[in-house]
Amino acid sequence: MSPFMVGVLVFAAVVISGITIGRAGKAGMESGKRPPVNRIKDMSWHEVERLLDRVAKEPAPESVMGAMCYAAMAVPDVSEYVCPVCGEKTLYASDETFLVLREIPEARAQFALLQQVSELEMRLDETAFCSYCRSEGAAPRLVLEISYSDGPKVSSEITAQDLRYLVGLFGNGLTYSTWNDGLEPLKPHLERIMEILGFTHVRQ
């Protein structure tokens, strides 16, 4: 076979191969999986009630002591709060500096963990700390808003400790992690947990 014919055959093979790959790629785009879409969080009132029932009915686990070597840190007299909604800054002094420098960062961290372990639709509202966003006369506070797929929308004033309870409830069901990495039973705090979640009673 002449070199010219060999070149023609090679060229034809390349063209046919390109057409085949192009068709396969197009078919893959049409029939393949699309990029994943973030699933909307959706948890029912009755699903949460079952978690509360478990805490109420099962024996409280033993406490596990955490580390005891943490040193106390001084809190400055003045602190600056930066609103995550509008970006404006609000200055706080006296006792409120503890809320801004310690309580809010801890609450944000616990809320992030709560979103990982729970399918509830929730929002942590800090607007009462912002002098631009808050309602007139509103005192600085953290609010947790919860929307159930088959129940009411619940709004509760909360602390970082309250969020620790909820992380424990949705994470393992019977205990929560303390600030120094210990474990404590949720059962003694069941009434408070129910209040936050909008429940007045669970089956005993």
C-alpha atoms as a PDB file:
ATOM      1  CA  MET A   1       0.000   0.000   0.000  1.00  0.00           C
ATOM      2  CA  SER A   2       1.348   3.420  -0.953  1.00  0.00           C
ATOM      3  CA  PRO A   3       2.207   6.027   1.709  1.00  0.00           C
ATOM      4  CA  PHE A   4      -0.582   8.205   0.293  1.00  0.00           C
ATOM      5  CA  MET A   5      -3.240   5.535   0.907  1.00  0.00           C
ATOM      6  CA  VAL A   6      -1.893   4.898   4.419  1.00  0.00           C
ATOM      7  CA  GLY A   7      -2.275   8.595   5.187  1.00  0.00           C
ATOM      8  CA  VAL A   8      -5.845   8.640   3.859  1.00  0.00           C
ATOM      9  CA  LEU A   9      -6.833   5.652   6.018  1.00  0.00           C
ATOM     10  CA  VAL A  10      -5.286   7.179   9.162  1.00  0.00           C
ATOM     11  CA  PHE A  11      -7.106  10.458   8.556  1.00  0.00           C
ATOM     12  CA  ALA A  12     -10.424   8.661   8.055  1.00  0.00           C
ATOM     13  CA  ALA A  13      -9.927   6.689  11.275  1.00  0.00           C
ATOM     14  CA  VAL A  14      -9.260   9.870  13.226  1.00  0.00           C
ATOM     15  CA  VAL A  15     -12.396  11.567  11.834  1.00  0.00           C
ATOM     16  CA  ILE A  16     -14.633   8.562  12.603  1.00  0.00           C
ATOM     17  CA  SER A  17     -13.158   8.300  16.107  1.00  0.00           C
ATOM     18  CA  GLY A  18     -13.832  11.989  16.727  1.00  0.00           C
ATOM     19  CA  ILE A  19     -17.452  11.669  15.627  1.00  0.00           C
ATOM     20  CA  THR A  20     -17.966   8.654  17.898  1.00  0.00           C
ATOM     21  CA  ILE A  21     -16.454  10.410  20.913  1.00  0.00           C
ATOM     22  CA  GLY A  22     -18.499  13.535  20.253  1.00  0.00           C
ATOM     23  CA  ARG A  23     -21.724  11.569  20.090  1.00  0.00           C
ATOM     24  CA  ALA A  24     -20.841   9.642  23.251  1.00  0.00           C
ATOM     25  CA  GLY A  25     -20.011  12.856  25.057  1.00  0.00           C
ATOM     26  CA  LYS A  26     -23.285  14.452  23.992  1.00  0.00           C
ATOM     27  CA  ALA A  27     -25.222  11.379  25.112  1.00  0.00           C
ATOM     28  CA  GLY A  28     -23.408  11.488  28.427  1.00  0.00           C
ATOM     29  CA  MET A  29     -24.400  15.114  28.925  1.00  0.00           C
ATOM     30  CA  GLU A  30     -28.010  14.361  28.067  1.00  0.00           C
ATOM     31  CA  SER A  31     -28.406  11.172  30.102  1.00  0.00           C
ATOM     32  CA  GLY A  32     -25.732  11.582  32.770  1.00  0.00           C
ATOM     33  CA  LYS A  33     -26.230  12.879  36.279  1.00  0.00           C
ATOM     34  CA  ARG A  34     -26.655  16.598  36.733  1.00  0.00           C
ATOM     35  CA  PRO A  35     -24.703  18.490  39.431  1.00  0.00           C
ATOM     36  CA  PRO A  36     -26.218  17.733  42.833  1.00  0.00           C
ATOM     37  CA  VAL A  37     -28.667  20.259  44.223  1.00  0.00           C
ATOM     38  CA  ASN A  38     -28.627  21.088  47.941  1.00  0.00           C
ATOM     39  CA  ARG A  39     -31.542  19.286  49.545  1.00  0.00           C
ATOM     40  CA  ILE A  40     -33.960  21.428  51.508  1.00  0.00           C
ATOM     41  CA  LYS A  41     -33.946  20.574  55.187  1.00  0.00           C
ATOM     42  CA  ASP A  42     -37.262  19.061  56.183  1.00  0.00           C
ATOM     43  CA  MET A  43     -38.036  17.360  59.499  1.00  0.00           C
ATOM     44  CA  SER A  44     -41.482  16.739  60.901  1.00  0.00           C
ATOM     45  CA  TRP A  45     -42.946  17.565  64.292  1.00  0.00           C
ATOM     46  CA  HIS A  46     -43.524  13.858  64.939  1.00  0.00           C
ATOM     47  CA  GLU A  47     -39.924  12.926  64.130  1.00  0.00           C
ATOM     48  CA  VAL A  48     -38.700  15.395  66.748  1.00  0.00           C
ATOM     49  CA  GLU A  49     -41.299  14.114  69.207  1.00  0.00           C
ATOM     50  CA  ARG A  50     -39.835  10.623  68.869  1.00  0.00           C
ATOM     51  CA  LEU A  51     -36.381  11.945  69.797  1.00  0.00           C
ATOM     52  CA  LEU A  52     -37.831  13.635  72.873  1.00  0.00           C
ATOM     53  CA  ASP A  53     -39.700  10.446  73.791  1.00  0.00           C
ATOM     54  CA  ARG A  54     -36.432   8.550  73.762  1.00  0.00           C
ATOM     55  CA  VAL A  55     -34.792  11.003  76.175  1.00  0.00           C
ATOM     56  CA  ALA A  56     -37.834  10.815  78.462  1.00  0.00           C
ATOM     57  CA  LYS A  57     -38.060   7.012  78.535  1.00  0.00           C
ATOM     58  CA  GLU A  58     -34.472   5.764  78.497  1.00  0.00           C
ATOM     59  CA  PRO A  59     -32.214   5.869  81.576  1.00  0.00           C
ATOM     60  CA  ALA A  60     -29.890   8.870  81.693  1.00  0.00           C
ATOM     61  CA  PRO A  61     -26.292   7.910  80.761  1.00  0.00           C
ATOM     62  CA  GLU A  62     -23.458   8.438  83.203  1.00  0.00           C
ATOM     63  CA  SER A  63     -21.573  11.735  83.020  1.00  0.00           C
ATOM     64  CA  VAL A  64     -18.112  11.794  81.463  1.00  0.00           C
ATOM     65  CA  MET A  65     -15.814  14.427  82.955  1.00  0.00           C
ATOM     66  CA  GLY A  66     -14.064  16.772  80.553  1.00  0.00           C
ATOM     67  CA  ALA A  67     -10.707  18.528  80.749  1.00  0.00           C
ATOM     68  CA  MET A  68     -10.146  20.776  83.774  1.00  0.00           C
ATOM     69  CA  CYS A  69      -7.046  22.702  82.699  1.00  0.00           C
ATOM     70  CA  TYR A  70      -8.606  25.633  80.879  1.00  0.00           C
ATOM     71  CA  ALA A  71      -7.518  29.075  82.071  1.00  0.00           C
ATOM     72  CA  ALA A  72     -10.017  31.907  82.396  1.00  0.00           C
ATOM     73  CA  MET A  73      -9.547  34.787  79.955  1.00  0.00           C
ATOM     74  CA  ALA A  74     -10.187  38.424  80.749  1.00  0.00           C
ATOM     75  CA  VAL A  75     -12.972  40.208  78.874  1.00  0.00           C
ATOM     76  CA  PRO A  76     -12.242  43.759  77.661  1.00  0.00           C
ATOM     77  CA  ASP A  77     -14.456  46.661  78.702  1.00  0.00           C
ATOM     78  CA  VAL A  78     -15.581  47.453  75.141  1.00  0.00           C
ATOM     79  CA  SER A  79     -16.392  45.124  72.244  1.00  0.00           C
ATOM     80  CA  GLU A  80     -17.439  45.583  68.643  1.00  0.00           C
ATOM     81  CA  TYR A  81     -20.293  43.584  67.141  1.00  0.00           C
ATOM     82  CA  VAL A  82     -20.360  43.208  63.346  1.00  0.00           C
ATOM     83  CA  CYS A  83     -23.804  42.324  62.008  1.00  0.00           C
ATOM     84  CA  PRO A  84     -23.750  39.323  59.619  1.00  0.00           C
ATOM     85  CA  VAL A  85     -26.858  40.703  57.868  1.00  0.00           C
ATOM     86  CA  CYS A  86     -26.007  44.335  57.095  1.00  0.00           C
ATOM     87  CA  GLY A  87     -22.310  44.481  57.991  1.00  0.00           C
ATOM     88  CA  GLU A  88     -22.731  47.481  60.304  1.00  0.00           C
ATOM     89  CA  LYS A  89     -20.802  47.744  63.571  1.00  0.00           C
ATOM     90  CA  THR A  90     -22.273  48.264  67.039  1.00  0.00           C
ATOM     91  CA  LEU A  91     -20.183  48.981  70.128  1.00  0.00           C
ATOM     92  CA  TYR A  92     -20.965  47.305  73.445  1.00  0.00           C
ATOM     93  CA  ALA A  93     -19.602  47.898  76.913  1.00  0.00           C
ATOM     94  CA  SER A  94     -19.873  46.447  80.402  1.00  0.00           C
ATOM     95  CA  ASP A  95     -21.606  43.055  80.794  1.00  0.00           C
ATOM     96  CA  GLU A  96     -22.637  42.896  77.144  1.00  0.00           C
ATOM     97  CA  THR A  97     -19.026  42.510  75.999  1.00  0.00           C
ATOM     98  CA  PHE A  98     -19.148  38.916  77.237  1.00  0.00           C
ATOM     99  CA  LEU A  99     -22.136  38.237  74.985  1.00  0.00           C
ATOM    100  CA  VAL A 100     -20.409  39.697  71.943  1.00  0.00           C
ATOM    101  CA  LEU A 101     -16.976  38.138  72.459  1.00  0.00           C
ATOM    102  CA  ARG A 102     -17.885  34.766  73.950  1.00  0.00           C
ATOM    103  CA  GLU A 103     -21.573  33.910  73.727  1.00  0.00           C
ATOM    104  CA  ILE A 104     -22.213  34.833  70.098  1.00  0.00           C
ATOM    105  CA  PRO A 105     -19.140  33.049  68.627  1.00  0.00           C
ATOM    106  CA  GLU A 106     -19.966  29.946  70.703  1.00  0.00           C
ATOM    107  CA  ALA A 107     -23.598  30.075  69.605  1.00  0.00           C
ATOM    108  CA  ARG A 108     -22.560  30.366  65.959  1.00  0.00           C
ATOM    109  CA  ALA A 109     -20.239  27.379  66.305  1.00  0.00           C
ATOM    110  CA  GLN A 110     -22.924  25.266  67.981  1.00  0.00           C
ATOM    111  CA  PHE A 111     -25.521  26.297  65.416  1.00  0.00           C
ATOM    112  CA  ALA A 112     -23.180  25.193  62.617  1.00  0.00           C
ATOM    113  CA  LEU A 113     -22.879  21.785  64.313  1.00  0.00           C
ATOM    114  CA  LEU A 114     -26.645  21.652  64.775  1.00  0.00           C
ATOM    115  CA  GLN A 115     -27.195  22.186  61.064  1.00  0.00           C
ATOM    116  CA  GLN A 116     -24.905  19.243  60.355  1.00  0.00           C
ATOM    117  CA  VAL A 117     -26.730  16.783  62.607  1.00  0.00           C
ATOM    118  CA  SER A 118     -30.332  17.957  62.202  1.00  0.00           C
ATOM    119  CA  GLU A 119     -32.738  18.036  59.271  1.00  0.00           C
ATOM    120  CA  LEU A 120     -34.814  20.797  60.841  1.00  0.00           C
ATOM    121  CA  GLU A 121     -35.222  24.038  58.941  1.00  0.00           C
ATOM    122  CA  MET A 122     -33.699  26.577  61.344  1.00  0.00           C
ATOM    123  CA  ARG A 123     -32.317  30.092  61.514  1.00  0.00           C
ATOM    124  CA  LEU A 124     -30.170  31.774  64.158  1.00  0.00           C
ATOM    125  CA  ASP A 125     -31.317  35.389  64.447  1.00  0.00           C
ATOM    126  CA  GLU A 126     -28.776  37.897  65.832  1.00  0.00           C
ATOM    127  CA  THR A 127     -30.459  41.072  64.613  1.00  0.00           C
ATOM    128  CA  ALA A 128     -31.286  42.228  68.158  1.00  0.00           C
ATOM    129  CA  PHE A 129     -27.548  42.843  68.632  1.00  0.00           C
ATOM    130  CA  CYS A 130     -27.370  45.191  65.649  1.00  0.00           C
ATOM    131  CA  SER A 131     -28.302  48.828  66.317  1.00  0.00           C
ATOM    132  CA  TYR A 132     -29.360  49.149  62.665  1.00  0.00           C
ATOM    133  CA  CYS A 133     -31.387  45.945  62.227  1.00  0.00           C
ATOM    134  CA  ARG A 134     -33.125  45.498  65.584  1.00  0.00           C
ATOM    135  CA  SER A 135     -36.583  46.727  66.468  1.00  0.00           C
ATOM    136  CA  GLU A 136     -36.760  49.870  68.569  1.00  0.00           C
ATOM    137  CA  GLY A 137     -36.267  49.095  72.246  1.00  0.00           C
ATOM    138  CA  ALA A 138     -35.261  45.454  71.627  1.00  0.00           C
ATOM    139  CA  ALA A 139     -32.730  44.054  74.094  1.00  0.00           C
ATOM    140  CA  PRO A 140     -29.697  42.160  72.717  1.00  0.00           C
ATOM    141  CA  ARG A 141     -30.551  38.471  72.478  1.00  0.00           C
ATOM    142  CA  LEU A 142     -30.158  35.396  70.298  1.00  0.00           C
ATOM    143  CA  VAL A 143     -33.275  33.840  68.788  1.00  0.00           C
ATOM    144  CA  LEU A 144     -33.654  30.408  67.218  1.00  0.00           C
ATOM    145  CA  GLU A 145     -36.397  30.061  64.623  1.00  0.00           C
ATOM    146  CA  ILE A 146     -37.600  26.569  63.698  1.00  0.00           C
ATOM    147  CA  SER A 147     -40.017  25.569  60.933  1.00  0.00           C
ATOM    148  CA  TYR A 148     -41.568  22.088  60.986  1.00  0.00           C
ATOM    149  CA  SER A 149     -42.726  20.411  57.791  1.00  0.00           C
ATOM    150  CA  ASP A 150     -45.994  19.400  59.463  1.00  0.00           C
ATOM    151  CA  GLY A 151     -46.266  21.817  62.368  1.00  0.00           C
ATOM    152  CA  PRO A 152     -45.896  25.395  63.563  1.00  0.00           C
ATOM    153  CA  LYS A 153     -43.052  27.845  63.262  1.00  0.00           C
ATOM    154  CA  VAL A 154     -41.354  28.195  66.663  1.00  0.00           C
ATOM    155  CA  SER A 155     -39.257  31.123  67.861  1.00  0.00           C
ATOM    156  CA  SER A 156     -37.291  30.999  71.144  1.00  0.00           C
ATOM    157  CA  GLU A 157     -34.704  33.138  72.867  1.00  0.00           C
ATOM    158  CA  ILE A 158     -31.692  30.868  73.333  1.00  0.00           C
ATOM    159  CA  THR A 159     -28.117  30.642  74.600  1.00  0.00           C
ATOM    160  CA  ALA A 160     -25.091  28.758  73.335  1.00  0.00           C
ATOM    161  CA  GLN A 161     -25.767  26.184  76.057  1.00  0.00           C
ATOM    162  CA  ASP A 162     -29.268  25.624  74.698  1.00  0.00           C
ATOM    163  CA  LEU A 163     -27.767  24.905  71.298  1.00  0.00           C
ATOM    164  CA  ARG A 164     -25.434  22.361  72.899  1.00  0.00           C
ATOM    165  CA  TYR A 165     -28.514  20.511  74.152  1.00  0.00           C
ATOM    166  CA  LEU A 166     -29.993  20.452  70.655  1.00  0.00           C
ATOM    167  CA  VAL A 167     -26.736  19.261  69.068  1.00  0.00           C
ATOM    168  CA  GLY A 168     -26.765  16.395  71.562  1.00  0.00           C
ATOM    169  CA  LEU A 169     -30.422  15.579  70.931  1.00  0.00           C
ATOM    170  CA  PHE A 170     -30.079  15.374  67.169  1.00  0.00           C
ATOM    171  CA  GLY A 171     -26.519  14.024  67.243  1.00  0.00           C
ATOM    172  CA  ASN A 172     -26.649  11.052  69.597  1.00  0.00           C
ATOM    173  CA  GLY A 173     -29.959  11.462  71.370  1.00  0.00           C
ATOM    174  CA  LEU A 174     -29.101  11.089  75.053  1.00  0.00           C
ATOM    175  CA  THR A 175     -26.080  13.248  75.936  1.00  0.00           C
ATOM    176  CA  TYR A 176     -24.550  16.606  75.061  1.00  0.00           C
ATOM    177  CA  SER A 177     -20.953  17.821  74.950  1.00  0.00           C
ATOM    178  CA  THR A 178     -19.900  20.340  77.578  1.00  0.00           C
ATOM    179  CA  TRP A 179     -17.663  23.351  76.990  1.00  0.00           C
ATOM    180  CA  ASN A 180     -14.642  21.323  78.174  1.00  0.00           C
ATOM    181  CA  ASP A 181     -15.377  18.236  76.057  1.00  0.00           C
ATOM    182  CA  GLY A 182     -17.188  16.239  78.713  1.00  0.00           C
ATOM    183  CA  LEU A 183     -20.512  14.444  78.268  1.00  0.00           C
ATOM    184  CA  GLU A 184     -23.644  15.073  80.300  1.00  0.00           C
ATOM    185  CA  PRO A 185     -27.109  13.479  80.074  1.00  0.00           C
ATOM    186  CA  LEU A 186     -29.863  15.448  78.342  1.00  0.00           C
ATOM    187  CA  LYS A 187     -32.632  14.114  80.553  1.00  0.00           C
ATOM    188  CA  PRO A 188     -32.258  16.733  83.352  1.00  0.00           C
ATOM    189  CA  HIS A 189     -32.667  19.427  80.677  1.00  0.00           C
ATOM    190  CA  LEU A 190     -35.574  17.851  78.818  1.00  0.00           C
ATOM    191  CA  GLU A 191     -38.086  20.508  79.863  1.00  0.00           C
ATOM    192  CA  ARG A 192     -35.864  23.288  78.495  1.00  0.00           C
ATOM    193  CA  ILE A 193     -35.236  21.374  75.265  1.00  0.00           C
ATOM    194  CA  MET A 194     -38.976  20.877  74.790  1.00  0.00           C
ATOM    195  CA  GLU A 195     -39.567  24.583  75.364  1.00  0.00           C
ATOM    196  CA  ILE A 196     -37.043  25.539  72.679  1.00  0.00           C
ATOM    197  CA  LEU A 197     -38.563  23.079  70.208  1.00  0.00           C
ATOM    198  CA  GLY A 198     -42.114  24.203  70.902  1.00  0.00           C
ATOM    199  CA  PHE A 199     -43.366  21.151  72.790  1.00  0.00           C
ATOM    200  CA  THR A 200     -45.456  21.294  75.949  1.00  0.00           C
ATOM    201  CA  HIS A 201     -45.272  17.572  76.720  1.00  0.00           C
ATOM    202  CA  VAL A 202     -43.936  14.227  75.519  1.00  0.00           C
ATOM    203  CA  ARG A 203     -45.203  10.749  76.247  1.00  0.00           C
ATOM    204  CA  GLN A 204     -43.731   9.370  79.477  1.00  0.00           C
END
